[in-house]
PDB file of all heavy atoms in Angstrom:
ATOM      1  N   GLY A   1       3.990  -1.259  37.824  1.00  0.00           N
ATOM      2  CA  GLY A   1       3.629  -1.966  36.602  1.00  0.00           C
ATOM      3  C   GLY A   1       3.705  -1.143  35.333  1.00  0.00           C
ATOM      4  O   GLY A   1       3.467  -1.658  34.231  1.00  0.00           O
ATOM      5  N   THR A   2       4.037   0.139  35.447  1.00  0.00           N
ATOM      6  CA  THR A   2       4.183   1.007  34.269  1.00  0.00           C
ATOM      7  C   THR A   2       5.655   1.161  33.946  1.00  0.00           C
ATOM      8  O   THR A   2       6.478   1.383  34.843  1.00  0.00           O
ATOM      9  CB  THR A   2       3.558   2.386  34.519  1.00  0.00           C
ATOM     10  OG1 THR A   2       2.163   2.224  34.802  1.00  0.00           O
ATOM     11  CG2 THR A   2       3.722   3.292  33.301  1.00  0.00           C
ATOM     12  N   THR A   3       5.995   1.048  32.660  1.00  0.00           N
ATOM     13  CA  THR A   3       7.370   1.225  32.196  1.00  0.00           C
ATOM     14  C   THR A   3       7.465   2.503  31.372  1.00  0.00           C
ATOM     15  O   THR A   3       6.685   2.709  30.437  1.00  0.00           O
ATOM     16  CB  THR A   3       7.814   0.031  31.333  1.00  0.00           C
ATOM     17  OG1 THR A   3       7.733  -1.173  32.109  1.00  0.00           O
ATOM     18  CG2 THR A   3       9.250   0.214  30.851  1.00  0.00           C
ATOM     19  N   TYR A   4       8.417   3.351  31.729  1.00  0.00           N
ATOM     20  CA  TYR A   4       8.672   4.595  30.997  1.00  0.00           C
ATOM     21  C   TYR A   4       9.954   4.411  30.185  1.00  0.00           C
ATOM     22  O   TYR A   4      11.011   4.073  30.730  1.00  0.00           O
ATOM     23  CB  TYR A   4       8.814   5.762  31.970  1.00  0.00           C
ATOM     24  CG  TYR A   4       7.568   5.999  32.803  1.00  0.00           C
ATOM     25  CD1 TYR A   4       7.422   5.388  34.046  1.00  0.00           C
ATOM     26  CD2 TYR A   4       6.547   6.819  32.343  1.00  0.00           C
ATOM     27  CE1 TYR A   4       6.286   5.588  34.817  1.00  0.00           C
ATOM     28  CE2 TYR A   4       5.392   7.032  33.104  1.00  0.00           C
ATOM     29  CZ  TYR A   4       5.278   6.415  34.337  1.00  0.00           C
ATOM     30  OH  TYR A   4       4.152   6.616  35.106  1.00  0.00           O
ATOM     31  N   TYR A   5       9.854   4.635  28.872  1.00  0.00           N
ATOM     32  CA  TYR A   5      10.937   4.352  27.937  1.00  0.00           C
ATOM     33  C   TYR A   5      11.655   5.638  27.504  1.00  0.00           C
ATOM     34  O   TYR A   5      11.124   6.746  27.654  1.00  0.00           O
ATOM     35  CB  TYR A   5      10.384   3.661  26.689  1.00  0.00           C
ATOM     36  CG  TYR A   5       9.896   2.248  26.922  1.00  0.00           C
ATOM     37  CD1 TYR A   5       8.548   1.983  27.174  1.00  0.00           C
ATOM     38  CD2 TYR A   5      10.777   1.171  26.880  1.00  0.00           C
ATOM     39  CE1 TYR A   5       8.095   0.690  27.379  1.00  0.00           C
ATOM     40  CE2 TYR A   5      10.333  -0.128  27.078  1.00  0.00           C
ATOM     41  CZ  TYR A   5       8.997  -0.364  27.327  1.00  0.00           C
ATOM     42  OH  TYR A   5       8.554  -1.647  27.529  1.00  0.00           O
ATOM     43  N   PRO A   6      12.844   5.497  26.901  1.00  0.00           N
ATOM     44  CA  PRO A   6      13.598   6.676  26.438  1.00  0.00           C
ATOM     45  C   PRO A   6      13.075   7.197  25.096  1.00  0.00           C
ATOM     46  O   PRO A   6      12.376   6.503  24.358  1.00  0.00           O
ATOM     47  CB  PRO A   6      15.027   6.138  26.298  1.00  0.00           C
ATOM     48  CG  PRO A   6      14.855   4.682  25.994  1.00  0.00           C
ATOM     49  CD  PRO A   6      13.623   4.249  26.757  1.00  0.00           C
ATOM     50  N   TRP A   7      13.471   8.432  24.791  1.00  0.00           N
ATOM     51  CA  TRP A   7      13.139   9.045  23.510  1.00  0.00           C
ATOM     52  C   TRP A   7      13.908   8.370  22.369  1.00  0.00           C
ATOM     53  O   TRP A   7      15.020   7.897  22.557  1.00  0.00           O
ATOM     54  CB  TRP A   7      13.494  10.527  23.521  1.00  0.00           C
ATOM     55  CG  TRP A   7      12.727  11.371  24.486  1.00  0.00           C
ATOM     56  CD1 TRP A   7      13.191  11.883  25.668  1.00  0.00           C
ATOM     57  CD2 TRP A   7      11.377  11.823  24.354  1.00  0.00           C
ATOM     58  NE1 TRP A   7      12.213  12.619  26.279  1.00  0.00           N
ATOM     59  CE2 TRP A   7      11.080  12.605  25.495  1.00  0.00           C
ATOM     60  CE3 TRP A   7      10.390  11.645  23.382  1.00  0.00           C
ATOM     61  CZ2 TRP A   7       9.845  13.211  25.690  1.00  0.00           C
ATOM     62  CZ3 TRP A   7       9.154  12.248  23.575  1.00  0.00           C
ATOM     63  CH2 TRP A   7       8.891  13.021  24.712  1.00  0.00           C
ATOM     64  N   LYS A   8      13.302   8.397  21.192  1.00  0.00           N
ATOM     65  CA  LYS A   8      13.991   7.961  19.987  1.00  0.00           C
ATOM     66  C   LYS A   8      13.338   8.648  18.783  1.00  0.00           C
ATOM     67  O   LYS A   8      12.197   9.141  18.866  1.00  0.00           O
ATOM     68  CB  LYS A   8      13.960   6.436  19.826  1.00  0.00           C
ATOM     69  CG  LYS A   8      12.577   5.819  19.712  1.00  0.00           C
ATOM     70  CD  LYS A   8      12.691   4.300  19.587  1.00  0.00           C
ATOM     71  CE  LYS A   8      11.334   3.649  19.404  1.00  0.00           C
ATOM     72  NZ  LYS A   8      10.423   3.895  20.545  1.00  0.00           N
ATOM     73  N   LEU A   9      14.073   8.664  17.665  1.00  0.00           N
ATOM     74  CA  LEU A   9      13.584   9.292  16.437  1.00  0.00           C
ATOM     75  C   LEU A   9      13.544   8.274  15.304  1.00  0.00           C
ATOM     76  O   LEU A   9      14.211   7.237  15.354  1.00  0.00           O
ATOM     77  CB  LEU A   9      14.492  10.474  16.055  1.00  0.00           C
ATOM     78  CG  LEU A   9      14.455  11.686  16.999  1.00  0.00           C
ATOM     79  CD1 LEU A   9      15.560  12.671  16.651  1.00  0.00           C
ATOM     80  CD2 LEU A   9      13.096  12.373  16.956  1.00  0.00           C
ATOM     81  N   ASP A  10      12.776   8.608  14.263  1.00  0.00           N
ATOM     82  CA  ASP A  10      12.619   7.739  13.095  1.00  0.00           C
ATOM     83  C   ASP A  10      13.337   8.370  11.911  1.00  0.00           C
ATOM     84  O   ASP A  10      12.919   9.414  11.415  1.00  0.00           O
ATOM     85  CB  ASP A  10      11.135   7.565  12.769  1.00  0.00           C
ATOM     86  CG  ASP A  10      10.881   6.613  11.603  1.00  0.00           C
ATOM     87  OD1 ASP A  10      11.855   6.182  10.951  1.00  0.00           O
ATOM     88  OD2 ASP A  10       9.697   6.311  11.335  1.00  0.00           O
ATOM     89  N   PRO A  11      14.438   7.761  11.417  1.00  0.00           N
ATOM     90  CA  PRO A  11      15.205   8.362  10.313  1.00  0.00           C
ATOM     91  C   PRO A  11      14.456   8.370   8.993  1.00  0.00           C
ATOM     92  O   PRO A  11      14.876   9.046   8.046  1.00  0.00           O
ATOM     93  CB  PRO A  11      16.458   7.486  10.237  1.00  0.00           C
ATOM     94  CG  PRO A  11      16.015   6.154  10.779  1.00  0.00           C
ATOM     95  CD  PRO A  11      15.025   6.470  11.859  1.00  0.00           C
ATOM     96  N   ASP A  12      13.366   7.624   8.898  1.00  0.00           N
ATOM     97  CA  ASP A  12      12.557   7.626   7.679  1.00  0.00           C
ATOM     98  C   ASP A  12      11.388   8.594   7.770  1.00  0.00           C
ATOM     99  O   ASP A  12      10.561   8.666   6.853  1.00  0.00           O
ATOM    100  CB  ASP A  12      12.057   6.210   7.381  1.00  0.00           C
ATOM    101  CG  ASP A  12      13.199   5.266   7.036  1.00  0.00           C
ATOM    102  OD1 ASP A  12      14.056   5.654   6.222  1.00  0.00           O
ATOM    103  OD2 ASP A  12      13.250   4.165   7.602  1.00  0.00           O
ATOM    104  N   ALA A  13      11.297   9.302   8.882  1.00  0.00           N
ATOM    105  CA  ALA A  13      10.261  10.324   9.063  1.00  0.00           C
ATOM    106  C   ALA A  13      10.918  11.494   9.788  1.00  0.00           C
ATOM    107  O   ALA A  13      10.723  11.681  10.991  1.00  0.00           O
ATOM    108  CB  ALA A  13       9.078   9.761   9.840  1.00  0.00           C
ATOM    109  N   PHE A  14      11.723  12.267   9.050  1.00  0.00           N
ATOM    110  CA  PHE A  14      12.597  13.288   9.628  1.00  0.00           C
ATOM    111  C   PHE A  14      11.876  14.233  10.585  1.00  0.00           C
ATOM    112  O   PHE A  14      12.402  14.592  11.627  1.00  0.00           O
ATOM    113  CB  PHE A  14      13.219  14.141   8.521  1.00  0.00           C
ATOM    114  CG  PHE A  14      14.051  13.394   7.532  1.00  0.00           C
ATOM    115  CD1 PHE A  14      13.976  13.705   6.184  1.00  0.00           C
ATOM    116  CD2 PHE A  14      14.918  12.394   7.932  1.00  0.00           C
ATOM    117  CE1 PHE A  14      14.749  13.039   5.256  1.00  0.00           C
ATOM    118  CE2 PHE A  14      15.693  11.711   7.019  1.00  0.00           C
ATOM    119  CZ  PHE A  14      15.607  12.030   5.671  1.00  0.00           C
ATOM    120  N   GLU A  15      10.676  14.665  10.212  1.00  0.00           N
ATOM    121  CA  GLU A  15      10.017  15.736  10.933  1.00  0.00           C
ATOM    122  C   GLU A  15       8.972  15.247  11.925  1.00  0.00           C
ATOM    123  O   GLU A  15       8.316  16.048  12.578  1.00  0.00           O
ATOM    124  CB  GLU A  15       9.391  16.719   9.937  1.00  0.00           C
ATOM    125  CG  GLU A  15      10.443  17.401   9.062  1.00  0.00           C
ATOM    126  CD  GLU A  15       9.866  18.497   8.187  1.00  0.00           C
ATOM    127  OE1 GLU A  15       8.654  18.462   7.927  1.00  0.00           O
ATOM    128  OE2 GLU A  15      10.631  19.386   7.766  1.00  0.00           O
ATOM    129  N   ASP A  16       8.817  13.945  12.074  1.00  0.00           N
ATOM    130  CA  ASP A  16       7.862  13.420  13.044  1.00  0.00           C
ATOM    131  C   ASP A  16       8.359  13.668  14.474  1.00  0.00           C
ATOM    132  O   ASP A  16       9.576  13.702  14.723  1.00  0.00           O
ATOM    133  CB  ASP A  16       7.658  11.920  12.839  1.00  0.00           C
ATOM    134  CG  ASP A  16       6.732  11.622  11.678  1.00  0.00           C
ATOM    135  OD1 ASP A  16       6.365  12.574  10.942  1.00  0.00           O
ATOM    136  OD2 ASP A  16       6.381  10.435  11.485  1.00  0.00           O
ATOM    137  N   PRO A  17       7.435  13.801  15.421  1.00  0.00           N
ATOM    138  CA  PRO A  17       7.860  13.967  16.816  1.00  0.00           C
ATOM    139  C   PRO A  17       8.601  12.734  17.317  1.00  0.00           C
ATOM    140  O   PRO A  17       8.377  11.614  16.845  1.00  0.00           O
ATOM    141  CB  PRO A  17       6.531  14.141  17.564  1.00  0.00           C
ATOM    142  CG  PRO A  17       5.514  14.474  16.542  1.00  0.00           C
ATOM    143  CD  PRO A  17       5.970  13.848  15.267  1.00  0.00           C
ATOM    144  N   ALA A  18       9.488  12.945  18.272  1.00  0.00           N
ATOM    145  CA  ALA A  18      10.146  11.824  18.936  1.00  0.00           C
ATOM    146  C   ALA A  18       9.108  10.998  19.683  1.00  0.00           C
ATOM    147  O   ALA A  18       8.085  11.509  20.147  1.00  0.00           O
ATOM    148  CB  ALA A  18      11.201  12.336  19.908  1.00  0.00           C
ATOM    149  N   THR A  19       9.363   9.700  19.798  1.00  0.00           N
ATOM    150  CA  THR A  19       8.479   8.798  20.536  1.00  0.00           C
ATOM    151  C   THR A  19       9.220   8.226  21.739  1.00  0.00           C
ATOM    152  O   THR A  19      10.450   8.231  21.793  1.00  0.00           O
ATOM    153  CB  THR A  19       7.979   7.653  19.635  1.00  0.00           C
ATOM    154  OG1 THR A  19       9.111   6.916  19.137  1.00  0.00           O
ATOM    155  CG2 THR A  19       7.179   8.191  18.469  1.00  0.00           C
ATOM    156  N   ASN A  20       8.444   7.717  22.689  1.00  0.00           N
ATOM    157  CA  ASN A  20       9.041   7.118  23.893  1.00  0.00           C
ATOM    158  C   ASN A  20       8.190   5.955  24.386  1.00  0.00           C
ATOM    159  O   ASN A  20       7.839   5.874  25.562  1.00  0.00           O
ATOM    160  CB  ASN A  20       9.224   8.165  24.993  1.00  0.00           C
ATOM    161  CG  ASN A  20       7.926   8.888  25.349  1.00  0.00           C
ATOM    162  OD1 ASN A  20       6.893   8.670  24.728  1.00  0.00           O
ATOM    163  ND2 ASN A  20       7.987   9.739  26.357  1.00  0.00           N
ATOM    164  N   ASN A  21       7.893   5.057  23.454  1.00  0.00           N
ATOM    165  CA  ASN A  21       7.018   3.928  23.775  1.00  0.00           C
ATOM    166  C   ASN A  21       7.710   2.574  23.669  1.00  0.00           C
ATOM    167  O   ASN A  21       7.062   1.538  23.768  1.00  0.00           O
ATOM    168  CB  ASN A  21       5.787   3.957  22.871  1.00  0.00           C
ATOM    169  CG  ASN A  21       6.148   4.031  21.389  1.00  0.00           C
ATOM    170  OD1 ASN A  21       7.312   3.854  21.027  1.00  0.00           O
ATOM    171  ND2 ASN A  21       5.167   4.316  20.556  1.00  0.00           N
ATOM    172  N   SER A  22       9.022   2.550  23.454  1.00  0.00           N
ATOM    173  CA  SER A  22       9.768   1.287  23.378  1.00  0.00           C
ATOM    174  C   SER A  22      11.254   1.593  23.503  1.00  0.00           C
ATOM    175  O   SER A  22      11.656   2.764  23.571  1.00  0.00           O
ATOM    176  CB  SER A  22       9.479   0.557  22.053  1.00  0.00           C
ATOM    177  OG  SER A  22       9.860   1.350  20.947  1.00  0.00           O
ATOM    178  N   ASP A  23      12.085   0.552  23.506  1.00  0.00           N
ATOM    179  CA  ASP A  23      13.521   0.730  23.670  1.00  0.00           C
ATOM    180  C   ASP A  23      14.139   1.524  22.523  1.00  0.00           C
ATOM    181  O   ASP A  23      13.672   1.471  21.381  1.00  0.00           O
ATOM    182  CB  ASP A  23      14.220  -0.637  23.742  1.00  0.00           C
ATOM    183  CG  ASP A  23      13.960  -1.357  25.046  1.00  0.00           C
ATOM    184  OD1 ASP A  23      13.631  -0.685  26.036  1.00  0.00           O
ATOM    185  OD2 ASP A  23      14.073  -2.604  25.068  1.00  0.00           O
ATOM    186  N   ASN A  24      15.210   2.228  22.833  1.00  0.00           N
ATOM    187  CA  ASN A  24      16.045   2.892  21.836  1.00  0.00           C
ATOM    188  C   ASN A  24      17.242   1.977  21.572  1.00  0.00           C
ATOM    189  O   ASN A  24      18.031   1.708  22.470  1.00  0.00           O
ATOM    190  CB  ASN A  24      16.509   4.256  22.362  1.00  0.00           C
ATOM    191  CG  ASN A  24      17.390   5.010  21.394  1.00  0.00           C
ATOM    192  OD1 ASN A  24      18.155   4.437  20.625  1.00  0.00           O
ATOM    193  ND2 ASN A  24      17.321   6.331  21.437  1.00  0.00           N
ATOM    194  N   ASN A  25      17.389   1.508  20.332  1.00  0.00           N
ATOM    195  CA  ASN A  25      18.434   0.539  19.997  1.00  0.00           C
ATOM    196  C   ASN A  25      19.532   1.109  19.108  1.00  0.00           C
ATOM    197  O   ASN A  25      20.300   0.347  18.515  1.00  0.00           O
ATOM    198  CB  ASN A  25      17.806  -0.681  19.308  1.00  0.00           C
ATOM    199  CG  ASN A  25      16.927  -1.476  20.246  1.00  0.00           C
ATOM    200  OD1 ASN A  25      17.302  -1.739  21.383  1.00  0.00           O
ATOM    201  ND2 ASN A  25      15.741  -1.854  19.785  1.00  0.00           N
ATOM    202  N   VAL A  26      19.633   2.441  19.015  1.00  0.00           N
ATOM    203  CA  VAL A  26      20.650   3.026  18.140  1.00  0.00           C
ATOM    204  C   VAL A  26      21.536   4.047  18.842  1.00  0.00           C
ATOM    205  O   VAL A  26      22.693   4.240  18.453  1.00  0.00           O
ATOM    206  CB  VAL A  26      20.019   3.673  16.881  1.00  0.00           C
ATOM    207  CG1 VAL A  26      19.332   2.624  16.035  1.00  0.00           C
ATOM    208  CG2 VAL A  26      19.064   4.801  17.254  1.00  0.00           C
ATOM    209  N   ASP A  27      21.040   4.728  19.875  1.00  0.00           N
ATOM    210  CA  ASP A  27      21.795   5.816  20.509  1.00  0.00           C
ATOM    211  C   ASP A  27      22.574   5.334  21.724  1.00  0.00           C
ATOM    212  O   ASP A  27      22.110   4.465  22.460  1.00  0.00           O
ATOM    213  CB  ASP A  27      20.846   6.929  20.951  1.00  0.00           C
ATOM    214  CG  ASP A  27      20.331   7.757  19.794  1.00  0.00           C
ATOM    215  OD1 ASP A  27      21.098   8.577  19.277  1.00  0.00           O
ATOM    216  OD2 ASP A  27      19.158   7.565  19.393  1.00  0.00           O
ATOM    217  N   ASN A  28      23.736   5.941  21.947  1.00  0.00           N
ATOM    218  CA  ASN A  28      24.475   5.698  23.194  1.00  0.00           C
ATOM    219  C   ASN A  28      24.274   6.852  24.178  1.00  0.00           C
ATOM    220  O   ASN A  28      25.088   7.102  25.059  1.00  0.00           O
ATOM    221  CB  ASN A  28      25.959   5.430  22.947  1.00  0.00           C
ATOM    222  CG  ASN A  28      26.661   6.547  22.211  1.00  0.00           C
ATOM    223  OD1 ASN A  28      26.075   7.231  21.366  1.00  0.00           O
ATOM    224  ND2 ASN A  28      27.940   6.746  22.508  1.00  0.00           N
ATOM    225  N   ILE A  29      23.171   7.554  24.003  1.00  0.00           N
ATOM    226  CA  ILE A  29      22.616   8.472  24.997  1.00  0.00           C
ATOM    227  C   ILE A  29      21.121   8.177  25.038  1.00  0.00           C
ATOM    228  O   ILE A  29      20.462   8.123  23.995  1.00  0.00           O
ATOM    229  CB  ILE A  29      22.891   9.952  24.655  1.00  0.00           C
ATOM    230  CG1 ILE A  29      21.921  10.886  25.428  1.00  0.00           C
ATOM    231  CG2 ILE A  29      22.741  10.213  23.169  1.00  0.00           C
ATOM    232  CD1 ILE A  29      22.163  10.973  26.880  1.00  0.00           C
TER     233      ILE A  29
END
């Protein structure tokens, strides 16, 4: 019942840590 999501970054927050709490809709890796 637990879903583990991929890493992604926020282009409007350059230095924020990567998150992994939802789908990544921009990268092809």
